[in-house]
N, C-alpha and C. Protein backbone atom coordinates (compact mmCIF):
# COMPACT_ATOMS: atom_id res chain seq x y z
N VAL A 1 -43.34 6.32 47.24
CA VAL A 1 -44.91 6.96 46.35
C VAL A 1 -44.72 7.78 44.74
N VAL A 2 -45.59 7.73 44.21
CA VAL A 2 -45.67 9.13 43.55
C VAL A 2 -46.39 9.95 43.80
N ALA A 3 -46.32 11.17 43.48
CA ALA A 3 -46.84 12.08 43.67
C ALA A 3 -47.07 12.83 42.52
N SER A 4 -48.27 12.86 41.80
CA SER A 4 -48.61 14.04 41.17
C SER A 4 -49.47 14.91 40.83
N CYS A 5 -49.59 16.51 41.23
CA CYS A 5 -50.95 16.91 41.66
C CYS A 5 -50.03 18.03 39.91
N LYS A 6 -52.31 18.83 39.84
CA LYS A 6 -52.05 19.50 38.91
C LYS A 6 -52.16 21.37 39.42
N PRO A 7 -51.44 21.77 39.57
CA PRO A 7 -52.39 23.14 40.48
C PRO A 7 -53.19 23.92 39.45
N LEU A 8 -54.17 24.67 39.90
CA LEU A 8 -54.61 25.50 38.56
C LEU A 8 -54.34 26.83 39.19
N SER A 9 -54.09 26.46 40.00
CA SER A 9 -53.32 28.71 40.20
C SER A 9 -52.42 27.95 41.71
N SER A 10 -51.15 29.04 42.02
CA SER A 10 -50.70 29.47 42.89
C SER A 10 -50.43 30.89 43.63
N GLY A 11 -50.01 31.30 44.13
CA GLY A 11 -49.53 32.67 44.36
C GLY A 11 -51.06 33.27 45.25
N ILE A 12 -50.82 34.40 45.59
CA ILE A 12 -52.27 34.58 46.52
C ILE A 12 -53.07 35.29 45.25
N ASN A 13 -52.85 36.18 44.16
CA ASN A 13 -53.82 36.10 43.56
C ASN A 13 -53.25 35.96 42.24
N ALA A 14 -53.87 36.23 41.21
CA ALA A 14 -53.44 36.43 39.47
C ALA A 14 -52.47 37.04 39.20
N GLU A 15 -52.19 38.19 40.27
CA GLU A 15 -51.29 38.97 39.27
C GLU A 15 -50.16 38.71 40.17
N TYR A 16 -50.19 38.01 40.68
CA TYR A 16 -48.87 36.96 41.91
C TYR A 16 -49.05 35.56 41.78
N GLY A 17 -49.59 34.98 40.75
CA GLY A 17 -49.59 33.64 40.55
C GLY A 17 -48.37 33.13 40.31
N GLY A 18 -48.32 31.70 40.55
CA GLY A 18 -46.52 31.37 39.98
C GLY A 18 -45.61 31.30 41.00
N SER A 19 -45.44 32.03 41.93
CA SER A 19 -44.74 31.83 43.36
C SER A 19 -44.93 30.77 43.85
N ASP A 20 -43.26 30.37 43.81
CA ASP A 20 -44.08 28.95 45.05
C ASP A 20 -43.22 28.70 46.12
N ASN A 21 -43.59 30.26 47.02
CA ASN A 21 -43.14 29.83 48.49
C ASN A 21 -44.50 29.70 49.30
N ILE A 22 -44.46 27.69 48.97
CA ILE A 22 -45.62 26.91 49.63
C ILE A 22 -44.79 25.98 49.74
N TRP A 23 -44.85 25.12 51.29
CA TRP A 23 -44.25 24.39 51.16
C TRP A 23 -44.81 23.13 51.33
N ALA A 24 -45.67 22.37 50.90
CA ALA A 24 -46.94 20.86 51.20
C ALA A 24 -46.56 19.52 51.17
N SER A 25 -46.90 19.41 51.51
CA SER A 25 -46.55 17.42 51.82
C SER A 25 -48.09 17.29 51.79
N VAL A 26 -48.10 15.72 51.80
CA VAL A 26 -48.99 14.42 51.88
C VAL A 26 -49.03 13.83 53.01
N THR A 27 -50.46 12.93 53.33
CA THR A 27 -50.22 12.45 54.45
C THR A 27 -51.24 11.17 52.97
N ILE A 28 -50.72 9.95 53.50
CA ILE A 28 -50.96 8.83 52.78
C ILE A 28 -52.16 8.28 54.02
N ILE A 29 -52.85 7.94 52.85
CA ILE A 29 -53.51 6.96 54.54
C ILE A 29 -54.34 5.63 53.78
N GLY A 30 -54.36 4.74 54.24
CA GLY A 30 -54.41 3.48 53.31
C GLY A 30 -54.98 2.64 54.09
N SER A 31 -55.77 1.46 53.88
CA SER A 31 -56.05 0.40 54.64
C SER A 31 -55.44 -0.80 55.41
N THR A 32 -54.15 0.02 55.84
CA THR A 32 -52.84 -0.50 57.22
C THR A 32 -52.47 -0.11 57.20
N GLY A 33 -52.54 1.75 56.96
CA GLY A 33 -51.85 2.74 58.07
C GLY A 33 -51.55 3.84 56.89
N THR A 34 -51.42 4.45 57.88
CA THR A 34 -50.75 6.08 57.12
C THR A 34 -49.16 6.16 56.76
N THR A 35 -48.70 7.16 56.00
CA THR A 35 -47.50 7.38 55.70
C THR A 35 -47.28 8.75 55.29
N GLU A 36 -46.10 9.36 55.52
CA GLU A 36 -46.14 10.81 54.90
C GLU A 36 -45.12 11.08 53.48
N THR A 37 -45.40 11.87 53.13
CA THR A 37 -44.34 12.21 51.54
C THR A 37 -43.21 13.74 52.28
N GLY A 38 -42.40 13.11 52.27
CA GLY A 38 -41.35 14.84 52.32
C GLY A 38 -41.81 16.02 51.84
N VAL A 39 -40.91 17.43 52.03
CA VAL A 39 -42.04 18.67 51.22
C VAL A 39 -42.11 17.99 49.79
N LEU A 40 -43.22 18.27 48.79
CA LEU A 40 -42.93 18.42 47.46
C LEU A 40 -42.49 19.59 47.14
N ASP A 41 -41.08 18.99 46.63
CA ASP A 41 -40.08 20.28 45.67
C ASP A 41 -39.43 19.19 44.99
N ASN A 42 -39.27 19.76 43.66
CA ASN A 42 -38.00 19.23 43.07
C ASN A 42 -36.79 20.42 42.99
N LYS A 43 -35.88 20.05 43.05
CA LYS A 43 -34.94 21.10 43.51
C LYS A 43 -34.65 21.56 42.16
N MET A 44 -34.45 23.00 41.98
CA MET A 44 -33.94 23.52 41.38
C MET A 44 -34.57 23.58 40.18
N TYR A 45 -35.78 23.99 40.76
CA TYR A 45 -36.91 23.30 39.42
C TYR A 45 -38.12 24.24 39.63
N ASP A 46 -38.84 25.42 39.48
CA ASP A 46 -39.98 26.16 39.54
C ASP A 46 -41.49 25.49 40.01
N ASP A 47 -41.84 24.94 40.98
CA ASP A 47 -42.89 23.90 41.21
C ASP A 47 -43.94 25.04 41.40
N PHE A 48 -45.34 24.16 41.28
CA PHE A 48 -46.52 24.97 41.56
C PHE A 48 -46.70 25.90 40.60
N GLU A 49 -46.37 25.81 39.41
CA GLU A 49 -46.72 26.90 38.44
C GLU A 49 -48.01 26.62 37.47
N ASP A 50 -48.51 27.79 37.32
CA ASP A 50 -50.13 27.72 36.97
C ASP A 50 -50.26 27.67 35.65
N GLY A 51 -51.23 26.18 35.56
CA GLY A 51 -51.61 24.98 34.53
C GLY A 51 -50.42 23.70 34.36
N SER A 52 -49.78 23.93 35.21
CA SER A 52 -48.75 22.62 34.84
C SER A 52 -48.99 21.99 36.04
N THR A 53 -48.49 20.69 35.51
CA THR A 53 -47.99 19.21 36.24
C THR A 53 -47.35 18.67 36.70
N ASP A 54 -47.33 19.27 38.31
CA ASP A 54 -46.03 18.65 38.60
C ASP A 54 -45.85 16.95 39.10
N ARG A 55 -44.45 16.77 39.58
CA ARG A 55 -44.25 15.22 39.87
C ARG A 55 -43.26 15.25 41.18
N PHE A 56 -43.29 13.81 41.88
CA PHE A 56 -43.20 13.38 43.40
C PHE A 56 -42.64 13.03 43.31
N VAL A 57 -41.99 12.24 43.29
CA VAL A 57 -40.84 10.61 43.48
C VAL A 57 -40.33 10.95 44.95
N PHE A 58 -41.16 9.78 46.00
CA PHE A 58 -40.40 9.14 47.02
C PHE A 58 -40.69 8.61 47.04
N PRO A 59 -39.53 7.68 46.67
CA PRO A 59 -39.10 6.31 47.08
C PRO A 59 -38.94 5.37 48.17
N GLY A 60 -39.39 4.38 49.30
CA GLY A 60 -38.90 3.70 50.61
C GLY A 60 -40.04 4.28 51.26
N MET A 61 -41.20 4.68 50.59
CA MET A 61 -42.03 4.73 51.87
C MET A 61 -42.55 3.88 52.61
N LYS A 62 -43.39 3.81 53.58
CA LYS A 62 -44.06 2.61 54.56
C LYS A 62 -45.48 2.31 53.59
N ASP A 63 -45.58 0.59 53.58
CA ASP A 63 -46.33 0.50 52.01
C ASP A 63 -48.14 0.36 52.95
N VAL A 64 -48.67 1.37 52.12
CA VAL A 64 -50.24 1.40 53.55
C VAL A 64 -51.54 0.82 53.14
N GLY A 65 -50.88 -0.10 52.34
CA GLY A 65 -51.92 -0.91 51.77
C GLY A 65 -52.52 -0.01 50.64
N CYS A 66 -53.69 -0.64 50.56
CA CYS A 66 -55.29 0.13 49.45
C CYS A 66 -55.13 1.37 49.58
N ILE A 67 -54.55 2.51 49.14
CA ILE A 67 -54.61 4.16 49.34
C ILE A 67 -56.33 4.61 49.04
N GLN A 68 -56.34 5.21 50.29
CA GLN A 68 -57.98 5.55 50.21
C GLN A 68 -58.06 7.15 50.80
N CYS A 69 -57.31 7.41 51.29
CA CYS A 69 -56.95 9.10 51.09
C CYS A 69 -55.69 9.70 51.18
N ILE A 70 -56.21 11.11 50.81
CA ILE A 70 -54.80 11.80 51.70
C ILE A 70 -55.44 13.19 52.47
N ILE A 71 -54.39 13.91 52.95
CA ILE A 71 -54.62 14.87 53.59
C ILE A 71 -53.55 15.82 53.06
N VAL A 72 -53.58 16.67 52.20
CA VAL A 72 -52.69 17.36 51.61
C VAL A 72 -52.20 19.13 52.61
N LYS A 73 -51.54 18.68 53.40
CA LYS A 73 -50.82 20.79 54.21
C LYS A 73 -49.81 21.66 53.21
N ALA A 74 -50.09 22.54 54.07
CA ALA A 74 -49.42 23.71 53.04
C ALA A 74 -49.47 24.78 54.21
N ARG A 75 -47.68 24.77 54.73
CA ARG A 75 -47.36 25.80 55.07
C ARG A 75 -46.14 26.78 53.79
N GLY A 76 -46.34 28.12 54.02
CA GLY A 76 -45.79 29.14 54.10
C GLY A 76 -45.96 30.62 54.18
N THR A 77 -46.07 30.61 52.63
CA THR A 77 -46.44 32.83 52.81
C THR A 77 -47.67 32.34 51.43
N ASP A 78 -47.50 31.48 50.91
CA ASP A 78 -48.36 32.36 49.35
C ASP A 78 -49.66 30.50 49.74
N GLY A 79 -50.91 30.78 49.16
CA GLY A 79 -52.02 29.64 48.38
C GLY A 79 -51.42 29.28 47.28
N TRP A 80 -52.53 27.83 47.46
CA TRP A 80 -52.47 27.48 46.56
C TRP A 80 -53.50 26.35 46.13
N LEU A 81 -54.22 26.46 45.01
CA LEU A 81 -55.27 26.05 44.24
C LEU A 81 -54.77 24.52 43.43
N PHE A 82 -54.74 23.27 43.55
CA PHE A 82 -54.82 22.99 42.92
C PHE A 82 -56.66 22.01 42.57
N THR A 83 -56.22 21.11 41.64
CA THR A 83 -57.39 20.29 40.90
C THR A 83 -57.58 19.12 40.90
N SER A 84 -56.13 18.57 40.77
CA SER A 84 -56.42 16.95 41.69
C SER A 84 -54.75 17.01 41.71
N MET A 85 -54.57 15.48 42.40
CA MET A 85 -53.56 14.66 43.16
C MET A 85 -53.83 13.40 42.87
N THR A 86 -52.76 12.99 42.16
CA THR A 86 -53.00 11.18 41.57
C THR A 86 -51.64 10.85 42.42
N VAL A 87 -52.31 9.42 43.15
CA VAL A 87 -51.08 9.48 44.13
C VAL A 87 -50.48 7.25 43.73
N GLN A 88 -50.09 7.29 43.84
CA GLN A 88 -49.42 5.64 42.97
C GLN A 88 -48.44 5.23 43.59
N LYS A 89 -48.07 4.01 44.04
CA LYS A 89 -47.10 2.77 44.20
C LYS A 89 -45.72 3.29 44.20
N VAL A 90 -44.93 3.39 43.44
CA VAL A 90 -43.71 3.48 42.85
C VAL A 90 -44.07 2.16 42.42
N ALA A 91 -44.39 0.68 42.82
CA ALA A 91 -44.10 -0.65 41.73
C ALA A 91 -45.29 -0.87 40.50
N SER A 92 -44.92 -0.81 39.03
CA SER A 92 -45.59 -0.79 37.72
C SER A 92 -46.57 -0.84 38.03
N TYR A 93 -47.07 -2.08 38.86
CA TYR A 93 -48.42 -2.54 38.11
C TYR A 93 -49.14 -2.19 39.20
N THR A 94 -49.11 -1.04 40.10
CA THR A 94 -50.49 -0.47 40.78
C THR A 94 -50.86 0.33 40.39
N THR A 95 -52.33 0.65 40.66
CA THR A 95 -53.16 0.83 39.41
C THR A 95 -53.67 2.53 41.00
N PRO A 96 -52.82 3.52 39.81
CA PRO A 96 -53.26 4.96 40.79
C PRO A 96 -54.02 5.63 40.67
N VAL A 97 -54.15 6.20 41.94
CA VAL A 97 -55.37 6.90 42.46
C VAL A 97 -55.82 8.46 42.72
N THR A 98 -56.61 9.10 41.92
CA THR A 98 -56.42 10.50 41.37
C THR A 98 -58.01 10.34 42.56
N PHE A 99 -57.40 11.96 43.29
CA PHE A 99 -57.89 12.79 44.26
C PHE A 99 -58.36 13.57 43.92
N LYS A 100 -59.49 14.75 43.46
CA LYS A 100 -60.08 15.92 43.01
C LYS A 100 -60.23 16.93 44.04
N ASN A 101 -59.74 18.15 44.15
CA ASN A 101 -60.32 18.83 45.11
C ASN A 101 -61.58 19.47 44.15
N THR A 102 -62.71 18.49 44.29
CA THR A 102 -63.84 19.39 43.74
C THR A 102 -64.96 20.53 44.25
N ASN A 103 -64.37 20.55 45.31
CA ASN A 103 -64.33 22.18 46.11
C ASN A 103 -63.70 23.53 45.87
N SER A 104 -62.74 23.09 45.08
CA SER A 104 -62.11 24.28 44.57
C SER A 104 -61.13 24.52 46.15
N VAL A 105 -61.03 23.54 47.36
CA VAL A 105 -60.54 24.17 48.09
C VAL A 105 -58.57 25.16 48.18
N TRP A 106 -59.19 26.43 48.37
CA TRP A 106 -57.43 26.88 48.38
C TRP A 106 -56.56 26.55 49.68
N LEU A 107 -54.99 26.33 49.61
CA LEU A 107 -54.69 25.59 50.82
C LEU A 107 -53.26 26.80 50.76
N ASP A 108 -53.50 27.79 52.09
CA ASP A 108 -52.48 28.61 52.17
C ASP A 108 -52.39 29.30 53.58
N ALA A 109 -51.89 29.38 53.94
CA ALA A 109 -51.27 29.94 55.40
C ALA A 109 -52.31 30.92 56.22
N ASP A 110 -53.13 31.58 55.65
CA ASP A 110 -53.81 32.58 56.12
C ASP A 110 -55.45 31.86 56.71
N SER A 111 -55.70 30.80 56.26
CA SER A 111 -56.85 30.42 56.15
C SER A 111 -56.72 28.29 56.39
N THR A 112 -57.08 27.75 55.49
CA THR A 112 -56.65 26.80 55.44
C THR A 112 -55.93 25.95 55.26
N ARG A 113 -55.40 24.94 55.85
CA ARG A 113 -53.86 24.70 55.97
C ARG A 113 -54.09 23.31 55.58
N GLN A 114 -55.10 22.12 55.99
CA GLN A 114 -54.62 21.11 55.55
C GLN A 114 -56.28 21.14 54.88
N LEU A 115 -55.84 19.55 53.92
CA LEU A 115 -57.61 19.27 53.14
C LEU A 115 -57.34 17.90 52.96
N LYS A 116 -58.26 17.21 53.62
CA LYS A 116 -58.23 15.64 53.54
C LYS A 116 -59.39 15.07 51.99
N LEU A 117 -59.09 14.44 51.78
CA LEU A 117 -59.53 14.23 50.08
C LEU A 117 -60.19 11.97 49.92
N CYS A 118 -60.80 12.50 50.25
CA CYS A 118 -60.65 10.59 50.16
C CYS A 118 -61.85 9.92 48.49
N ASN A 119 -60.91 8.91 48.17
CA ASN A 119 -61.13 8.08 46.89
C ASN A 119 -62.14 7.22 47.61
N LYS A 120 -63.34 7.43 47.04
CA LYS A 120 -64.24 6.54 47.44
C LYS A 120 -63.95 4.86 46.21
N SER A 121 -63.77 4.49 45.31
CA SER A 121 -63.78 3.56 45.09
C SER A 121 -62.69 2.39 45.58
N LYS A 122 -61.45 3.22 46.32
CA LYS A 122 -60.22 2.64 47.31
C LYS A 122 -59.35 1.79 46.35
N LYS A 123 -59.22 1.64 44.91
CA LYS A 123 -57.90 1.28 44.49
C LYS A 123 -56.66 1.05 45.10
N LYS A 124 -55.84 0.16 44.98
CA LYS A 124 -54.79 -0.13 45.20
C LYS A 124 -53.59 0.43 44.56
C-alpha cells in the first residue's frame, strides 16, 4: 500500500508549524477486510512539513479488496491538519483512492485522535 498525504499544517499553531512530533497511522477499510499501516514516517526525513506532500510505502500489507474508507489515527504532542490522503495498492494497475479532509479536522492528542473518511465512489 502506498499512502500519500498533503498536510495543510502541522504543529500546534503557525509559530510552531512544521514540527513532526506526531505518530500517525492509517487503518484501511475495504470490501473484504481491514489492514493497518505502520507509523507514517520516512526515516531520516522531516515528515509533515507545511505545504509538502509526503509519500509512505508499506509493502506486503493484506489485500482488503476495493478501498472504501480510512481511519487516520494520531498520537504524539503535536497537531496535524491534512487536506487529503491518497491510498493505492502497490500494484501499478490499481486506481488510487483520494480521501479529502473537507471539514478541516485537526488531529491532535488533546482532542480528535482519529478521523474516519470514506470515499463514495469505492474505487479499486
